[in-house]
């Protein structure tokens, strides 16, 4: 006796183990050597990231993550360089003060007291 009638077709399924490591969500984990091979192949392919990922059957975001990780690992921080600078006593630089008033008037000078006096002065 068939519970669903005579016209039901049975589907057989089987589990195939491809011997690849997988994470807890079932995603394949590529070995470091395989990742290096794929990145080298991408570098020489001339393809876009999307086209290369599609051709190789890997997730686009996975490829982008691998490329970003490689870029960060290969990044070098430029060395800090210092140079000694000697100022001669004759190179006296006077500080310049500048005050711009709400009306657009600008007062410049080297003496704070003189600039303050000009700012407080009545304007006609």
C-alpha atoms as a PDB file:
ATOM      1  CA  UNK A   1       0.000   0.000   0.000  1.00  0.00           C
ATOM      2  CA  UNK A   2       1.479   3.391  -1.099  1.00  0.00           C
ATOM      3  CA  UNK A   3       0.302   6.216   1.178  1.00  0.00           C
ATOM      4  CA  UNK A   4       0.416   8.913  -1.535  1.00  0.00           C
ATOM      5  CA  UNK A   5      -1.001   7.084  -4.505  1.00  0.00           C
ATOM      6  CA  UNK A   6       0.505   5.294  -7.453  1.00  0.00           C
ATOM      7  CA  UNK A   7       1.734   8.382  -9.294  1.00  0.00           C
ATOM      8  CA  UNK A   8       4.308   9.363  -6.633  1.00  0.00           C
ATOM      9  CA  UNK A   9       7.918   9.041  -7.688  1.00  0.00           C
ATOM     10  CA  UNK A  10      10.423   8.180  -5.001  1.00  0.00           C
ATOM     11  CA  UNK A  11      13.605  10.223  -4.856  1.00  0.00           C
ATOM     12  CA  UNK A  12      16.741   8.591  -3.624  1.00  0.00           C
ATOM     13  CA  UNK A  13      19.408  10.746  -2.012  1.00  0.00           C
ATOM     14  CA  UNK A  14      22.858   9.979  -0.799  1.00  0.00           C
ATOM     15  CA  UNK A  15      25.453  11.863   1.181  1.00  0.00           C
ATOM     16  CA  UNK A  16      28.765  12.263  -0.580  1.00  0.00           C
ATOM     17  CA  UNK A  17      31.776  13.122   1.554  1.00  0.00           C
ATOM     18  CA  UNK A  18      34.213  15.225  -0.470  1.00  0.00           C
ATOM     19  CA  UNK A  19      36.875  14.908   2.269  1.00  0.00           C
ATOM     20  CA  UNK A  20      37.206  18.686   2.634  1.00  0.00           C
ATOM     21  CA  UNK A  21      37.356  20.384   6.003  1.00  0.00           C
ATOM     22  CA  UNK A  22      34.237  22.340   6.832  1.00  0.00           C
ATOM     23  CA  UNK A  23      33.359  24.834   9.529  1.00  0.00           C
ATOM     24  CA  UNK A  24      30.336  24.546  11.821  1.00  0.00           C
ATOM     25  CA  UNK A  25      28.104  26.135   9.151  1.00  0.00           C
ATOM     26  CA  UNK A  26      29.168  23.588   6.511  1.00  0.00           C
ATOM     27  CA  UNK A  27      31.387  25.960   4.537  1.00  0.00           C
ATOM     28  CA  UNK A  28      34.553  24.518   3.019  1.00  0.00           C
ATOM     29  CA  UNK A  29      37.819  25.573   4.616  1.00  0.00           C
ATOM     30  CA  UNK A  30      40.631  26.049   2.127  1.00  0.00           C
ATOM     31  CA  UNK A  31      44.115  25.057   3.239  1.00  0.00           C
ATOM     32  CA  UNK A  32      46.757  27.788   3.281  1.00  0.00           C
ATOM     33  CA  UNK A  33      48.505  26.229   0.285  1.00  0.00           C
ATOM     34  CA  UNK A  34      45.285  26.200  -1.739  1.00  0.00           C
ATOM     35  CA  UNK A  35      44.574  29.821  -0.786  1.00  0.00           C
ATOM     36  CA  UNK A  36      48.076  30.816  -1.921  1.00  0.00           C
ATOM     37  CA  UNK A  37      47.581  28.964  -5.216  1.00  0.00           C
ATOM     38  CA  UNK A  38      44.256  30.691  -5.834  1.00  0.00           C
ATOM     39  CA  UNK A  39      45.646  34.138  -5.002  1.00  0.00           C
ATOM     40  CA  UNK A  40      48.605  33.593  -7.331  1.00  0.00           C
ATOM     41  CA  UNK A  41      46.205  32.430 -10.042  1.00  0.00           C
ATOM     42  CA  UNK A  42      44.047  35.521  -9.491  1.00  0.00           C
ATOM     43  CA  UNK A  43      47.098  37.814  -9.760  1.00  0.00           C
ATOM     44  CA  UNK A  44      47.981  36.358 -13.140  1.00  0.00           C
ATOM     45  CA  UNK A  45      44.453  35.943 -14.468  1.00  0.00           C
ATOM     46  CA  UNK A  46      43.658  39.512 -15.450  1.00  0.00           C
ATOM     47  CA  UNK A  47      40.059  38.851 -14.400  1.00  0.00           C
ATOM     48  CA  UNK A  48      37.911  40.898 -12.085  1.00  0.00           C
ATOM     49  CA  UNK A  49      37.484  39.554  -8.584  1.00  0.00           C
ATOM     50  CA  UNK A  50      33.906  38.605  -9.331  1.00  0.00           C
ATOM     51  CA  UNK A  51      34.751  36.781 -12.572  1.00  0.00           C
ATOM     52  CA  UNK A  52      37.672  34.940 -10.983  1.00  0.00           C
ATOM     53  CA  UNK A  53      35.605  33.822  -7.975  1.00  0.00           C
ATOM     54  CA  UNK A  54      32.845  32.600 -10.281  1.00  0.00           C
ATOM     55  CA  UNK A  55      35.330  30.717 -12.495  1.00  0.00           C
ATOM     56  CA  UNK A  56      37.008  29.015  -9.520  1.00  0.00           C
ATOM     57  CA  UNK A  57      33.770  28.287  -7.671  1.00  0.00           C
ATOM     58  CA  UNK A  58      34.610  30.264  -4.554  1.00  0.00           C
ATOM     59  CA  UNK A  59      32.489  32.853  -2.816  1.00  0.00           C
ATOM     60  CA  UNK A  60      33.242  36.408  -3.970  1.00  0.00           C
ATOM     61  CA  UNK A  61      33.390  37.708  -0.393  1.00  0.00           C
ATOM     62  CA  UNK A  62      35.793  34.931   0.557  1.00  0.00           C
ATOM     63  CA  UNK A  63      38.166  36.013  -2.219  1.00  0.00           C
ATOM     64  CA  UNK A  64      37.887  39.658  -1.166  1.00  0.00           C
ATOM     65  CA  UNK A  65      38.680  38.652   2.432  1.00  0.00           C
ATOM     66  CA  UNK A  66      41.741  36.677   1.341  1.00  0.00           C
ATOM     67  CA  UNK A  67      43.008  39.599  -0.753  1.00  0.00           C
ATOM     68  CA  UNK A  68      42.469  42.042   2.109  1.00  0.00           C
ATOM     69  CA  UNK A  69      44.277  39.794   4.571  1.00  0.00           C
ATOM     70  CA  UNK A  70      47.214  39.428   2.169  1.00  0.00           C
ATOM     71  CA  UNK A  71      47.346  43.203   1.650  1.00  0.00           C
ATOM     72  CA  UNK A  72      47.403  43.819   5.419  1.00  0.00           C
ATOM     73  CA  UNK A  73      50.066  41.153   6.014  1.00  0.00           C
ATOM     74  CA  UNK A  74      52.307  42.563   3.266  1.00  0.00           C
ATOM     75  CA  UNK A  75      51.841  46.193   4.265  1.00  0.00           C
ATOM     76  CA  UNK A  76      54.949  47.854   5.612  1.00  0.00           C
ATOM     77  CA  UNK A  77      54.926  50.877   7.818  1.00  0.00           C
ATOM     78  CA  UNK A  78      57.453  53.424   6.588  1.00  0.00           C
ATOM     79  CA  UNK A  79      60.298  54.024   8.987  1.00  0.00           C
ATOM     80  CA  UNK A  80      60.169  57.276  10.897  1.00  0.00           C
ATOM     81  CA  UNK A  81      62.979  59.534   9.807  1.00  0.00           C
ATOM     82  CA  UNK A  82      64.296  62.497  11.713  1.00  0.00           C
ATOM     83  CA  UNK A  83      66.525  65.262  10.472  1.00  0.00           C
ATOM     84  CA  UNK A  84      68.333  67.698  12.692  1.00  0.00           C
ATOM     85  CA  UNK A  85      67.527  71.320  11.933  1.00  0.00           C
ATOM     86  CA  UNK A  86      69.705  74.098  13.274  1.00  0.00           C
ATOM     87  CA  UNK A  87      68.274  77.589  13.476  1.00  0.00           C
ATOM     88  CA  UNK A  88      70.778  80.394  13.445  1.00  0.00           C
ATOM     89  CA  UNK A  89      70.333  83.173  15.977  1.00  0.00           C
ATOM     90  CA  UNK A  90      69.973  85.687  13.135  1.00  0.00           C
ATOM     91  CA  UNK A  91      66.862  83.911  11.886  1.00  0.00           C
ATOM     92  CA  UNK A  92      64.579  85.543  14.437  1.00  0.00           C
ATOM     93  CA  UNK A  93      60.965  84.995  13.474  1.00  0.00           C
ATOM     94  CA  UNK A  94      58.449  87.370  14.968  1.00  0.00           C
ATOM     95  CA  UNK A  95      55.097  85.792  15.730  1.00  0.00           C
ATOM     96  CA  UNK A  96      52.264  87.477  13.881  1.00  0.00           C
ATOM     97  CA  UNK A  97      48.890  87.892  15.526  1.00  0.00           C
ATOM     98  CA  UNK A  98      45.788  88.293  13.403  1.00  0.00           C
ATOM     99  CA  UNK A  99      42.288  89.188  14.561  1.00  0.00           C
ATOM    100  CA  UNK A 100      39.339  89.414  12.174  1.00  0.00           C
ATOM    101  CA  UNK A 101      36.435  91.435  13.549  1.00  0.00           C
ATOM    102  CA  UNK A 102      32.764  90.699  12.783  1.00  0.00           C
ATOM    103  CA  UNK A 103      32.599  93.613  10.333  1.00  0.00           C
ATOM    104  CA  UNK A 104      35.376  92.081   8.225  1.00  0.00           C
ATOM    105  CA  UNK A 105      38.184  94.328   9.521  1.00  0.00           C
ATOM    106  CA  UNK A 106      41.459  92.430  10.067  1.00  0.00           C
ATOM    107  CA  UNK A 107      44.059  93.649  12.560  1.00  0.00           C
ATOM    108  CA  UNK A 108      47.600  92.232  12.355  1.00  0.00           C
ATOM    109  CA  UNK A 109      50.607  92.846  14.556  1.00  0.00           C
ATOM    110  CA  UNK A 110      53.487  91.316  16.466  1.00  0.00           C
ATOM    111  CA  UNK A 111      52.579  92.714  19.881  1.00  0.00           C
ATOM    112  CA  UNK A 112      49.548  91.308  21.654  1.00  0.00           C
ATOM    113  CA  UNK A 113      49.080  94.560  23.585  1.00  0.00           C
ATOM    114  CA  UNK A 114      49.137  96.658  20.401  1.00  0.00           C
ATOM    115  CA  UNK A 115      46.685  94.355  18.608  1.00  0.00           C
ATOM    116  CA  UNK A 116      44.340  94.388  21.628  1.00  0.00           C
ATOM    117  CA  UNK A 117      44.503  98.197  21.755  1.00  0.00           C
ATOM    118  CA  UNK A 118      43.600  98.435  18.049  1.00  0.00           C
ATOM    119  CA  UNK A 119      40.716  95.982  18.463  1.00  0.00           C
ATOM    120  CA  UNK A 120      39.292  97.971  21.417  1.00  0.00           C
ATOM    121  CA  UNK A 121      39.699 101.322  19.661  1.00  0.00           C
ATOM    122  CA  UNK A 122      36.453 102.929  18.533  1.00  0.00           C
ATOM    123  CA  UNK A 123      35.827 102.789  14.811  1.00  0.00           C
ATOM    124  CA  UNK A 124      34.146 105.544  12.871  1.00  0.00           C
END
